[in-house]
Amino acid sequence: MNWLHLVSYFWGGAFLANAIPHLVSGLRGEPFQSPFAKPRGEGLSSSTVNVLWGFFNLVVGYLLVCRVGEFSLLDTGDVAALAAGALLLSLFCARHFGRFHGGNTPTGS
């Protein structure tokens, strides 16, 4: 097992996870934060920008997972690396974007 492949799968998982909120917001016609907004990562970008950014993330994720090494869903190491990247980026996004959308309020408040 090549450790560089696992690094690629980790970042592939992160890019694939990042594609989801941008594509969903864009497809719903809703603005969402993106790196192209002002202030960067905090302001809202148009739904069109989010579709483009989400699609870019999807392509990069595909390249990192499917075109580097031989990713296998039956290989626990491959899946764990992809899942770790997706989980860590998802948790970061939940905390970061929760500030803007009320997602950081404790349950029961």
PDB file of N, CA and C in Angstrom:
ATOM      1  N   MET A   1       0.856  -1.184   0.000  1.00  0.00           N
ATOM      2  CA  MET A   1       0.000   0.000   0.000  1.00  0.00           C
ATOM      3  C   MET A   1       0.899   1.244   0.000  1.00  0.00           C
ATOM      4  N   ASN A   2       0.681   2.090  -0.957  1.00  0.00           N
ATOM      5  CA  ASN A   2       1.455   3.315  -1.090  1.00  0.00           C
ATOM      6  C   ASN A   2       0.808   4.410  -0.235  1.00  0.00           C
ATOM      7  N   TRP A   3       1.536   4.984   0.696  1.00  0.00           N
ATOM      8  CA  TRP A   3       0.970   5.996   1.596  1.00  0.00           C
ATOM      9  C   TRP A   3       0.560   7.257   0.827  1.00  0.00           C
ATOM     10  N   LEU A   4       1.205   7.551  -0.307  1.00  0.00           N
ATOM     11  CA  LEU A   4       0.797   8.719  -1.106  1.00  0.00           C
ATOM     12  C   LEU A   4      -0.602   8.520  -1.693  1.00  0.00           C
ATOM     13  N   HIS A   5      -0.951   7.280  -1.996  1.00  0.00           N
ATOM     14  CA  HIS A   5      -2.306   7.015  -2.472  1.00  0.00           C
ATOM     15  C   HIS A   5      -3.315   7.318  -1.372  1.00  0.00           C
ATOM     16  N   LEU A   6      -2.968   6.937  -0.136  1.00  0.00           N
ATOM     17  CA  LEU A   6      -3.876   7.206   0.982  1.00  0.00           C
ATOM     18  C   LEU A   6      -4.046   8.704   1.212  1.00  0.00           C
ATOM     19  N   VAL A   7      -2.979   9.466   1.049  1.00  0.00           N
ATOM     20  CA  VAL A   7      -3.066  10.926   1.165  1.00  0.00           C
ATOM     21  C   VAL A   7      -3.982  11.471   0.073  1.00  0.00           C
ATOM     22  N   SER A   8      -3.843  10.944  -1.126  1.00  0.00           N
ATOM     23  CA  SER A   8      -4.698  11.361  -2.231  1.00  0.00           C
ATOM     24  C   SER A   8      -6.165  11.044  -1.943  1.00  0.00           C
ATOM     25  N   TYR A   9      -6.430   9.858  -1.392  1.00  0.00           N
ATOM     26  CA  TYR A   9      -7.811   9.476  -1.079  1.00  0.00           C
ATOM     27  C   TYR A   9      -8.384  10.345   0.042  1.00  0.00           C
ATOM     28  N   PHE A  10      -7.530  10.697   1.018  1.00  0.00           N
ATOM     29  CA  PHE A  10      -7.958  11.589   2.100  1.00  0.00           C
ATOM     30  C   PHE A  10      -8.434  12.922   1.506  1.00  0.00           C
ATOM     31  N   TRP A  11      -7.587  13.532   0.667  1.00  0.00           N
ATOM     32  CA  TRP A  11      -7.965  14.822   0.081  1.00  0.00           C
ATOM     33  C   TRP A  11      -9.111  14.673  -0.917  1.00  0.00           C
ATOM     34  N   GLY A  12      -9.171  13.523  -1.586  1.00  0.00           N
ATOM     35  CA  GLY A  12     -10.313  13.263  -2.464  1.00  0.00           C
ATOM     36  C   GLY A  12     -11.610  13.259  -1.683  1.00  0.00           C
ATOM     37  N   GLY A  13     -11.601  12.616  -0.512  1.00  0.00           N
ATOM     38  CA  GLY A  13     -12.788  12.621   0.348  1.00  0.00           C
ATOM     39  C   GLY A  13     -13.163  14.021   0.787  1.00  0.00           C
ATOM     40  N   ALA A  14     -12.161  14.835   1.093  1.00  0.00           N
ATOM     41  CA  ALA A  14     -12.427  16.222   1.500  1.00  0.00           C
ATOM     42  C   ALA A  14     -13.060  17.010   0.350  1.00  0.00           C
ATOM     43  N   PHE A  15     -12.516  16.863  -0.849  1.00  0.00           N
ATOM     44  CA  PHE A  15     -13.082  17.588  -2.004  1.00  0.00           C
ATOM     45  C   PHE A  15     -14.486  17.095  -2.325  1.00  0.00           C
ATOM     46  N   LEU A  16     -14.713  15.793  -2.238  1.00  0.00           N
ATOM     47  CA  LEU A  16     -16.052  15.272  -2.512  1.00  0.00           C
ATOM     48  C   LEU A  16     -17.060  15.771  -1.478  1.00  0.00           C
ATOM     49  N   ALA A  17     -16.663  15.807  -0.208  1.00  0.00           N
ATOM     50  CA  ALA A  17     -17.562  16.328   0.831  1.00  0.00           C
ATOM     51  C   ALA A  17     -17.846  17.810   0.601  1.00  0.00           C
ATOM     52  N   ASN A  18     -16.844  18.555   0.172  1.00  0.00           N
ATOM     53  CA  ASN A  18     -17.022  19.988  -0.061  1.00  0.00           C
ATOM     54  C   ASN A  18     -17.921  20.258  -1.262  1.00  0.00           C
ATOM     55  N   ALA A  19     -17.977  19.335  -2.201  1.00  0.00           N
ATOM     56  CA  ALA A  19     -18.824  19.518  -3.380  1.00  0.00           C
ATOM     57  C   ALA A  19     -20.309  19.535  -2.996  1.00  0.00           C
ATOM     58  N   ILE A  20     -20.664  18.770  -1.983  1.00  0.00           N
ATOM     59  CA  ILE A  20     -22.084  18.563  -1.662  1.00  0.00           C
ATOM     60  C   ILE A  20     -22.819  19.857  -1.304  1.00  0.00           C
ATOM     61  N   PRO A  21     -22.373  20.641  -0.304  1.00  0.00           N
ATOM     62  CA  PRO A  21     -23.162  21.825   0.054  1.00  0.00           C
ATOM     63  C   PRO A  21     -23.211  22.863  -1.064  1.00  0.00           C
ATOM     64  N   HIS A  22     -22.135  22.967  -1.834  1.00  0.00           N
ATOM     65  CA  HIS A  22     -22.127  23.951  -2.918  1.00  0.00           C
ATOM     66  C   HIS A  22     -23.073  23.542  -4.037  1.00  0.00           C
ATOM     67  N   LEU A  23     -23.041  22.264  -4.412  1.00  0.00           N
ATOM     68  CA  LEU A  23     -23.949  21.804  -5.453  1.00  0.00           C
ATOM     69  C   LEU A  23     -25.402  21.874  -4.999  1.00  0.00           C
ATOM     70  N   VAL A  24     -25.673  21.454  -3.775  1.00  0.00           N
ATOM     71  CA  VAL A  24     -27.058  21.479  -3.279  1.00  0.00           C
ATOM     72  C   VAL A  24     -27.587  22.908  -3.220  1.00  0.00           C
ATOM     73  N   SER A  25     -26.794  23.823  -2.669  1.00  0.00           N
ATOM     74  CA  SER A  25     -27.233  25.221  -2.595  1.00  0.00           C
ATOM     75  C   SER A  25     -27.446  25.790  -3.993  1.00  0.00           C
ATOM     76  N   GLY A  26     -26.504  25.520  -4.870  1.00  0.00           N
ATOM     77  CA  GLY A  26     -26.621  26.030  -6.236  1.00  0.00           C
ATOM     78  C   GLY A  26     -27.819  25.465  -6.969  1.00  0.00           C
ATOM     79  N   LEU A  27     -28.037  24.163  -6.842  1.00  0.00           N
ATOM     80  CA  LEU A  27     -29.172  23.540  -7.519  1.00  0.00           C
ATOM     81  C   LEU A  27     -30.507  24.022  -6.961  1.00  0.00           C
ATOM     82  N   ARG A  28     -30.508  24.403  -5.693  1.00  0.00           N
ATOM     83  CA  ARG A  28     -31.732  24.943  -5.085  1.00  0.00           C
ATOM     84  C   ARG A  28     -31.921  26.423  -5.403  1.00  0.00           C
ATOM     85  N   GLY A  29     -30.929  27.021  -6.078  1.00  0.00           N
ATOM     86  CA  GLY A  29     -31.021  28.433  -6.423  1.00  0.00           C
ATOM     87  C   GLY A  29     -30.752  29.351  -5.248  1.00  0.00           C
ATOM     88  N   GLU A  30     -30.037  28.847  -4.245  1.00  0.00           N
ATOM     89  CA  GLU A  30     -29.767  29.627  -3.041  1.00  0.00           C
ATOM     90  C   GLU A  30     -28.312  30.082  -3.004  1.00  0.00           C
ATOM     91  N   PRO A  31     -28.058  31.286  -2.485  1.00  0.00           N
ATOM     92  CA  PRO A  31     -26.664  31.712  -2.303  1.00  0.00           C
ATOM     93  C   PRO A  31     -26.040  30.945  -1.138  1.00  0.00           C
ATOM     94  N   PHE A  32     -24.724  30.838  -1.165  1.00  0.00           N
ATOM     95  CA  PHE A  32     -24.004  30.135  -0.102  1.00  0.00           C
ATOM     96  C   PHE A  32     -22.588  30.683  -0.061  1.00  0.00           C
ATOM     97  N   GLN A  33     -21.926  30.523   1.073  1.00  0.00           N
ATOM     98  CA  GLN A  33     -20.557  30.992   1.212  1.00  0.00           C
ATOM     99  C   GLN A  33     -19.647  30.233   0.258  1.00  0.00           C
ATOM    100  N   SER A  34     -18.661  30.947  -0.282  1.00  0.00           N
ATOM    101  CA  SER A  34     -17.651  30.303  -1.126  1.00  0.00           C
ATOM    102  C   SER A  34     -16.357  31.098  -1.017  1.00  0.00           C
ATOM    103  N   PRO A  35     -15.272  30.546  -1.534  1.00  0.00           N
ATOM    104  CA  PRO A  35     -14.002  31.281  -1.497  1.00  0.00           C
ATOM    105  C   PRO A  35     -14.010  32.538  -2.356  1.00  0.00           C
ATOM    106  N   PHE A  36     -15.029  32.696  -3.197  1.00  0.00           N
ATOM    107  CA  PHE A  36     -15.068  33.834  -4.123  1.00  0.00           C
ATOM    108  C   PHE A  36     -15.902  34.994  -3.596  1.00  0.00           C
ATOM    109  N   ALA A  37     -16.521  34.818  -2.435  1.00  0.00           N
ATOM    110  CA  ALA A  37     -17.358  35.863  -1.847  1.00  0.00           C
ATOM    111  C   ALA A  37     -16.491  36.876  -1.115  1.00  0.00           C
ATOM    112  N   LYS A  38     -17.101  37.998  -0.774  1.00  0.00           N
ATOM    113  CA  LYS A  38     -16.409  39.018   0.015  1.00  0.00           C
ATOM    114  C   LYS A  38     -17.216  39.225   1.282  1.00  0.00           C
ATOM    115  N   PRO A  39     -16.666  39.070   2.465  1.00  0.00           N
ATOM    116  CA  PRO A  39     -15.339  38.559   2.738  1.00  0.00           C
ATOM    117  C   PRO A  39     -15.255  37.078   2.387  1.00  0.00           C
ATOM    118  N   ARG A  40     -14.049  36.670   2.010  1.00  0.00           N
ATOM    119  CA  ARG A  40     -13.797  35.324   1.513  1.00  0.00           C
ATOM    120  C   ARG A  40     -14.245  34.261   2.524  1.00  0.00           C
ATOM    121  N   GLY A  41     -15.079  33.348   2.058  1.00  0.00           N
ATOM    122  CA  GLY A  41     -15.534  32.256   2.912  1.00  0.00           C
ATOM    123  C   GLY A  41     -16.625  32.628   3.889  1.00  0.00           C
ATOM    124  N   GLU A  42     -17.008  33.897   3.909  1.00  0.00           N
ATOM    125  CA  GLU A  42     -18.060  34.338   4.828  1.00  0.00           C
ATOM    126  C   GLU A  42     -19.234  34.963   4.092  1.00  0.00           C
ATOM    127  N   GLY A  43     -18.930  35.754   3.076  1.00  0.00           N
ATOM    128  CA  GLY A  43     -19.998  36.364   2.283  1.00  0.00           C
ATOM    129  C   GLY A  43     -20.660  35.322   1.404  1.00  0.00           C
ATOM    130  N   LEU A  44     -21.769  35.704   0.804  1.00  0.00           N
ATOM    131  CA  LEU A  44     -22.524  34.768  -0.024  1.00  0.00           C
ATOM    132  C   LEU A  44     -22.139  34.910  -1.492  1.00  0.00           C
ATOM    133  N   SER A  45     -22.073  33.775  -2.168  1.00  0.00           N
ATOM    134  CA  SER A  45     -21.873  33.734  -3.611  1.00  0.00           C
ATOM    135  C   SER A  45     -23.171  33.282  -4.256  1.00  0.00           C
ATOM    136  N   SER A  46     -23.346  33.617  -5.508  1.00  0.00           N
ATOM    137  CA  SER A  46     -24.575  33.267  -6.225  1.00  0.00           C
ATOM    138  C   SER A  46     -24.697  31.753  -6.385  1.00  0.00           C
ATOM    139  N   SER A  47     -25.892  31.326  -6.708  1.00  0.00           N
ATOM    140  CA  SER A  47     -26.119  29.899  -6.924  1.00  0.00           C
ATOM    141  C   SER A  47     -25.302  29.392  -8.111  1.00  0.00           C
ATOM    142  N   THR A  48     -25.115  30.217  -9.127  1.00  0.00           N
ATOM    143  CA  THR A  48     -24.310  29.818 -10.287  1.00  0.00           C
ATOM    144  C   THR A  48     -22.858  29.587  -9.888  1.00  0.00           C
ATOM    145  N   VAL A  49     -22.295  30.499  -9.104  1.00  0.00           N
ATOM    146  CA  VAL A  49     -20.915  30.336  -8.634  1.00  0.00           C
ATOM    147  C   VAL A  49     -20.801  29.067  -7.806  1.00  0.00           C
ATOM    148  N   ASN A  50     -21.791  28.782  -6.986  1.00  0.00           N
ATOM    149  CA  ASN A  50     -21.743  27.585  -6.150  1.00  0.00           C
ATOM    150  C   ASN A  50     -21.844  26.301  -6.967  1.00  0.00           C
ATOM    151  N   VAL A  51     -22.640  26.295  -8.023  1.00  0.00           N
ATOM    152  CA  VAL A  51     -22.687  25.113  -8.894  1.00  0.00           C
ATOM    153  C   VAL A  51     -21.319  24.895  -9.535  1.00  0.00           C
ATOM    154  N   LEU A  52     -20.716  25.962 -10.031  1.00  0.00           N
ATOM    155  CA  LEU A  52     -19.398  25.839 -10.661  1.00  0.00           C
ATOM    156  C   LEU A  52     -18.342  25.381  -9.665  1.00  0.00           C
ATOM    157  N   TRP A  53     -18.348  25.962  -8.460  1.00  0.00           N
ATOM    158  CA  TRP A  53     -17.376  25.580  -7.428  1.00  0.00           C
ATOM    159  C   TRP A  53     -17.611  24.142  -6.975  1.00  0.00           C
ATOM    160  N   GLY A  54     -18.867  23.768  -6.796  1.00  0.00           N
ATOM    161  CA  GLY A  54     -19.185  22.396  -6.404  1.00  0.00           C
ATOM    162  C   GLY A  54     -18.769  21.394  -7.466  1.00  0.00           C
ATOM    163  N   PHE A  55     -18.988  21.720  -8.726  1.00  0.00           N
ATOM    164  CA  PHE A  55     -18.599  20.823  -9.811  1.00  0.00           C
ATOM    165  C   PHE A  55     -17.080  20.700  -9.885  1.00  0.00           C
ATOM    166  N   PHE A  56     -16.375  21.809  -9.688  1.00  0.00           N
ATOM    167  CA  PHE A  56     -14.914  21.771  -9.654  1.00  0.00           C
ATOM    168  C   PHE A  56     -14.437  20.829  -8.545  1.00  0.00           C
ATOM    169  N   ASN A  57     -15.027  20.940  -7.356  1.00  0.00           N
ATOM    170  CA  ASN A  57     -14.665  20.067  -6.242  1.00  0.00           C
ATOM    171  C   ASN A  57     -14.955  18.599  -6.569  1.00  0.00           C
ATOM    172  N   LEU A  58     -16.053  18.348  -7.250  1.00  0.00           N
ATOM    173  CA  LEU A  58     -16.412  16.990  -7.658  1.00  0.00           C
ATOM    174  C   LEU A  58     -15.365  16.414  -8.619  1.00  0.00           C
ATOM    175  N   VAL A  59     -14.937  17.208  -9.574  1.00  0.00           N
ATOM    176  CA  VAL A  59     -13.922  16.762 -10.537  1.00  0.00           C
ATOM    177  C   VAL A  59     -12.594  16.483  -9.842  1.00  0.00           C
ATOM    178  N   VAL A  60     -12.161  17.396  -8.970  1.00  0.00           N
ATOM    179  CA  VAL A  60     -10.896  17.195  -8.257  1.00  0.00           C
ATOM    180  C   VAL A  60     -10.989  15.951  -7.367  1.00  0.00           C
ATOM    181  N   GLY A  61     -12.105  15.779  -6.668  1.00  0.00           N
ATOM    182  CA  GLY A  61     -12.296  14.596  -5.836  1.00  0.00           C
ATOM    183  C   GLY A  61     -12.224  13.321  -6.663  1.00  0.00           C
ATOM    184  N   TYR A  62     -12.872  13.315  -7.817  1.00  0.00           N
ATOM    185  CA  TYR A  62     -12.822  12.161  -8.715  1.00  0.00           C
ATOM    186  C   TYR A  62     -11.386  11.866  -9.128  1.00  0.00           C
ATOM    187  N   LEU A  63     -10.665  12.891  -9.549  1.00  0.00           N
ATOM    188  CA  LEU A  63      -9.281  12.692  -9.993  1.00  0.00           C
ATOM    189  C   LEU A  63      -8.417  12.118  -8.873  1.00  0.00           C
ATOM    190  N   LEU A  64      -8.579  12.637  -7.655  1.00  0.00           N
ATOM    191  CA  LEU A  64      -7.770  12.177  -6.532  1.00  0.00           C
ATOM    192  C   LEU A  64      -8.101  10.750  -6.096  1.00  0.00           C
ATOM    193  N   VAL A  65      -9.359  10.360  -6.245  1.00  0.00           N
ATOM    194  CA  VAL A  65      -9.772   9.030  -5.787  1.00  0.00           C
ATOM    195  C   VAL A  65      -9.685   7.986  -6.903  1.00  0.00           C
ATOM    196  N   CYS A  66     -10.137   8.334  -8.077  1.00  0.00           N
ATOM    197  CA  CYS A  66     -10.266   7.332  -9.138  1.00  0.00           C
ATOM    198  C   CYS A  66      -9.091   7.276 -10.105  1.00  0.00           C
ATOM    199  N   ARG A  67      -8.258   8.297 -10.135  1.00  0.00           N
ATOM    200  CA  ARG A  67      -7.172   8.324 -11.101  1.00  0.00           C
ATOM    201  C   ARG A  67      -5.798   8.195 -10.449  1.00  0.00           C
ATOM    202  N   VAL A  68      -5.754   8.101  -9.135  1.00  0.00           N
ATOM    203  CA  VAL A  68      -4.490   7.906  -8.413  1.00  0.00           C
ATOM    204  C   VAL A  68      -4.533   6.519  -7.795  1.00  0.00           C
ATOM    205  N   GLY A  69      -3.574   5.698  -8.114  1.00  0.00           N
ATOM    206  CA  GLY A  69      -3.534   4.353  -7.558  1.00  0.00           C
ATOM    207  C   GLY A  69      -4.708   3.522  -8.027  1.00  0.00           C
ATOM    208  N   GLU A  70      -5.084   2.557  -7.204  1.00  0.00           N
ATOM    209  CA  GLU A  70      -6.185   1.645  -7.518  1.00  0.00           C
ATOM    210  C   GLU A  70      -7.144   1.635  -6.332  1.00  0.00           C
ATOM    211  N   PHE A  71      -7.951   2.688  -6.189  1.00  0.00           N
ATOM    212  CA  PHE A  71      -8.893   2.775  -5.070  1.00  0.00           C
ATOM    213  C   PHE A  71      -9.834   1.585  -5.108  1.00  0.00           C
ATOM    214  N   SER A  72     -10.030   0.956  -3.949  1.00  0.00           N
ATOM    215  CA  SER A  72     -10.932  -0.183  -3.861  1.00  0.00           C
ATOM    216  C   SER A  72     -11.850  -0.023  -2.652  1.00  0.00           C
ATOM    217  N   LEU A  73     -13.150  -0.166  -2.894  1.00  0.00           N
ATOM    218  CA  LEU A  73     -14.110  -0.117  -1.792  1.00  0.00           C
ATOM    219  C   LEU A  73     -13.949  -1.312  -0.855  1.00  0.00           C
ATOM    220  N   LEU A  74     -13.248  -2.347  -1.299  1.00  0.00           N
ATOM    221  CA  LEU A  74     -13.019  -3.512  -0.464  1.00  0.00           C
ATOM    222  C   LEU A  74     -11.751  -3.402   0.377  1.00  0.00           C
ATOM    223  N   ASP A  75     -10.969  -2.353   0.143  1.00  0.00           N
ATOM    224  CA  ASP A  75      -9.740  -2.130   0.906  1.00  0.00           C
ATOM    225  C   ASP A  75     -10.046  -1.159   2.044  1.00  0.00           C
ATOM    226  N   THR A  76      -9.991  -1.656   3.265  1.00  0.00           N
ATOM    227  CA  THR A  76     -10.341  -0.846   4.433  1.00  0.00           C
ATOM    228  C   THR A  76      -9.476   0.399   4.542  1.00  0.00           C
ATOM    229  N   GLY A  77      -8.196   0.306   4.223  1.00  0.00           N
ATOM    230  CA  GLY A  77      -7.307   1.465   4.288  1.00  0.00           C
ATOM    231  C   GLY A  77      -7.723   2.557   3.315  1.00  0.00           C
ATOM    232  N   ASP A  78      -8.080   2.160   2.087  1.00  0.00           N
ATOM    233  CA  ASP A  78      -8.527   3.138   1.087  1.00  0.00           C
ATOM    234  C   ASP A  78      -9.792   3.850   1.554  1.00  0.00           C
ATOM    235  N   VAL A  79     -10.752   3.074   2.013  1.00  0.00           N
ATOM    236  CA  VAL A  79     -12.033   3.644   2.450  1.00  0.00           C
ATOM    237  C   VAL A  79     -11.855   4.495   3.701  1.00  0.00           C
ATOM    238  N   ALA A  80     -11.008   4.053   4.619  1.00  0.00           N
ATOM    239  CA  ALA A  80     -10.771   4.824   5.847  1.00  0.00           C
ATOM    240  C   ALA A  80     -10.131   6.172   5.528  1.00  0.00           C
ATOM    241  N   ALA A  81      -9.195   6.195   4.601  1.00  0.00           N
ATOM    242  CA  ALA A  81      -8.555   7.462   4.221  1.00  0.00           C
ATOM    243  C   ALA A  81      -9.571   8.413   3.604  1.00  0.00           C
ATOM    244  N   LEU A  82     -10.391   7.913   2.679  1.00  0.00           N
ATOM    245  CA  LEU A  82     -11.418   8.746   2.045  1.00  0.00           C
ATOM    246  C   LEU A  82     -12.420   9.242   3.089  1.00  0.00           C
ATOM    247  N   ALA A  83     -12.869   8.333   3.962  1.00  0.00           N
ATOM    248  CA  ALA A  83     -13.853   8.693   4.991  1.00  0.00           C
ATOM    249  C   ALA A  83     -13.281   9.718   5.971  1.00  0.00           C
ATOM    250  N   ALA A  84     -12.007   9.572   6.338  1.00  0.00           N
ATOM    251  CA  ALA A  84     -11.391  10.527   7.267  1.00  0.00           C
ATOM    252  C   ALA A  84     -11.347  11.924   6.653  1.00  0.00           C
ATOM    253  N   GLY A  85     -10.987  12.016   5.388  1.00  0.00           N
ATOM    254  CA  GLY A  85     -10.965  13.316   4.718  1.00  0.00           C
ATOM    255  C   GLY A  85     -12.349  13.931   4.650  1.00  0.00           C
ATOM    256  N   ALA A  86     -13.340  13.118   4.286  1.00  0.00           N
ATOM    257  CA  ALA A  86     -14.712  13.614   4.199  1.00  0.00           C
ATOM    258  C   ALA A  86     -15.235  14.037   5.569  1.00  0.00           C
ATOM    259  N   LEU A  87     -14.982  13.226   6.594  1.00  0.00           N
ATOM    260  CA  LEU A  87     -15.470  13.535   7.945  1.00  0.00           C
ATOM    261  C   LEU A  87     -14.819  14.796   8.503  1.00  0.00           C
ATOM    262  N   LEU A  88     -13.506  14.896   8.390  1.00  0.00           N
ATOM    263  CA  LEU A  88     -12.824  16.066   8.955  1.00  0.00           C
ATOM    264  C   LEU A  88     -13.247  17.358   8.265  1.00  0.00           C
ATOM    265  N   LEU A  89     -13.364  17.337   6.938  1.00  0.00           N
ATOM    266  CA  LEU A  89     -13.803  18.559   6.259  1.00  0.00           C
ATOM    267  C   LEU A  89     -15.260  18.859   6.609  1.00  0.00           C
ATOM    268  N   SER A  90     -16.084  17.825   6.708  1.00  0.00           N
ATOM    269  CA  SER A  90     -17.492  18.033   7.067  1.00  0.00           C
ATOM    270  C   SER A  90     -17.635  18.652   8.447  1.00  0.00           C
ATOM    271  N   LEU A  91     -16.854  18.166   9.416  1.00  0.00           N
ATOM    272  CA  LEU A  91     -16.903  18.745  10.765  1.00  0.00           C
ATOM    273  C   LEU A  91     -16.422  20.194  10.764  1.00  0.00           C
ATOM    274  N   PHE A  92     -15.354  20.471  10.018  1.00  0.00           N
ATOM    275  CA  PHE A  92     -14.870  21.849   9.911  1.00  0.00           C
ATOM    276  C   PHE A  92     -15.953  22.748   9.318  1.00  0.00           C
ATOM    277  N   CYS A  93     -16.579  22.293   8.233  1.00  0.00           N
ATOM    278  CA  CYS A  93     -17.617  23.103   7.578  1.00  0.00           C
ATOM    279  C   CYS A  93     -18.818  23.303   8.499  1.00  0.00           C
ATOM    280  N   ALA A  94     -19.195  22.263   9.242  1.00  0.00           N
ATOM    281  CA  ALA A  94     -20.324  22.382  10.170  1.00  0.00           C
ATOM    282  C   ALA A  94     -20.058  23.476  11.200  1.00  0.00           C
ATOM    283  N   ARG A  95     -18.851  23.511  11.742  1.00  0.00           N
ATOM    284  CA  ARG A  95     -18.506  24.539  12.731  1.00  0.00           C
ATOM    285  C   ARG A  95     -18.406  25.921  12.081  1.00  0.00           C
ATOM    286  N   HIS A  96     -17.728  25.989  10.937  1.00  0.00           N
ATOM    287  CA  HIS A  96     -17.502  27.278  10.273  1.00  0.00           C
ATOM    288  C   HIS A  96     -18.814  27.888   9.780  1.00  0.00           C
ATOM    289  N   PHE A  97     -19.594  27.123   9.026  1.00  0.00           N
ATOM    290  CA  PHE A  97     -20.822  27.664   8.449  1.00  0.00           C
ATOM    291  C   PHE A  97     -21.963  27.691   9.451  1.00  0.00           C
ATOM    292  N   GLY A  98     -21.850  26.925  10.538  1.00  0.00           N
ATOM    293  CA  GLY A  98     -22.853  26.972  11.589  1.00  0.00           C
ATOM    294  C   GLY A  98     -22.967  28.348  12.220  1.00  0.00           C
ATOM    295  N   ARG A  99     -21.876  29.114  12.192  1.00  0.00           N
ATOM    296  CA  ARG A  99     -21.912  30.488  12.717  1.00  0.00           C
ATOM    297  C   ARG A  99     -22.916  31.344  11.947  1.00  0.00           C
ATOM    298  N   PHE A 100     -23.080  31.074  10.668  1.00  0.00           N
ATOM    299  CA  PHE A 100     -23.925  31.905   9.814  1.00  0.00           C
ATOM    300  C   PHE A 100     -25.356  31.394   9.714  1.00  0.00           C
ATOM    301  N   HIS A 101     -25.558  30.112   9.988  1.00  0.00           N
ATOM    302  CA  HIS A 101     -26.865  29.514   9.760  1.00  0.00           C
ATOM    303  C   HIS A 101     -27.502  28.955  11.032  1.00  0.00           C
ATOM    304  N   GLY A 102     -26.957  29.276  12.200  1.00  0.00           N
ATOM    305  CA  GLY A 102     -27.532  28.834  13.456  1.00  0.00           C
ATOM    306  C   GLY A 102     -27.277  27.391  13.805  1.00  0.00           C
ATOM    307  N   GLY A 103     -26.306  26.761  13.147  1.00  0.00           N
ATOM    308  CA  GLY A 103     -26.043  25.353  13.381  1.00  0.00           C
ATOM    309  C   GLY A 103     -25.158  25.064  14.584  1.00  0.00           C
ATOM    310  N   ASN A 104     -24.670  26.096  15.253  1.00  0.00           N
ATOM    311  CA  ASN A 104     -23.784  25.868  16.392  1.00  0.00           C
ATOM    312  C   ASN A 104     -24.495  26.039  17.728  1.00  0.00           C
ATOM    313  N   THR A 105     -25.810  26.159  17.698  1.00  0.00           N
ATOM    314  CA  THR A 105     -26.545  26.287  18.954  1.00  0.00           C
ATOM    315  C   THR A 105     -26.678  24.940  19.614  1.00  0.00           C
ATOM    316  N   PRO A 106     -26.448  24.885  20.922  1.00  0.00           N
ATOM    317  CA  PRO A 106     -26.597  23.594  21.619  1.00  0.00           C
ATOM    318  C   PRO A 106     -28.029  23.097  21.558  1.00  0.00           C
ATOM    319  N   THR A 107     -28.191  21.818  21.535  1.00  0.00           N
ATOM    320  CA  THR A 107     -29.530  21.213  21.510  1.00  0.00           C
ATOM    321  C   THR A 107     -30.271  21.577  22.793  1.00  0.00           C
ATOM    322  N   GLY A 108     -31.533  21.903  22.626  1.00  0.00           N
ATOM    323  CA  GLY A 108     -32.349  22.224  23.787  1.00  0.00           C
ATOM    324  C   GLY A 108     -32.335  23.711  24.141  1.00  0.00           C
ATOM    325  N   SER A 109     -31.644  24.529  23.371  1.00  0.00           N
ATOM    326  CA  SER A 109     -31.610  25.969  23.683  1.00  0.00           C
ATOM    327  C   SER A 109     -32.685  26.704  22.931  1.00  0.00           C
TER     328      SER A 109
END
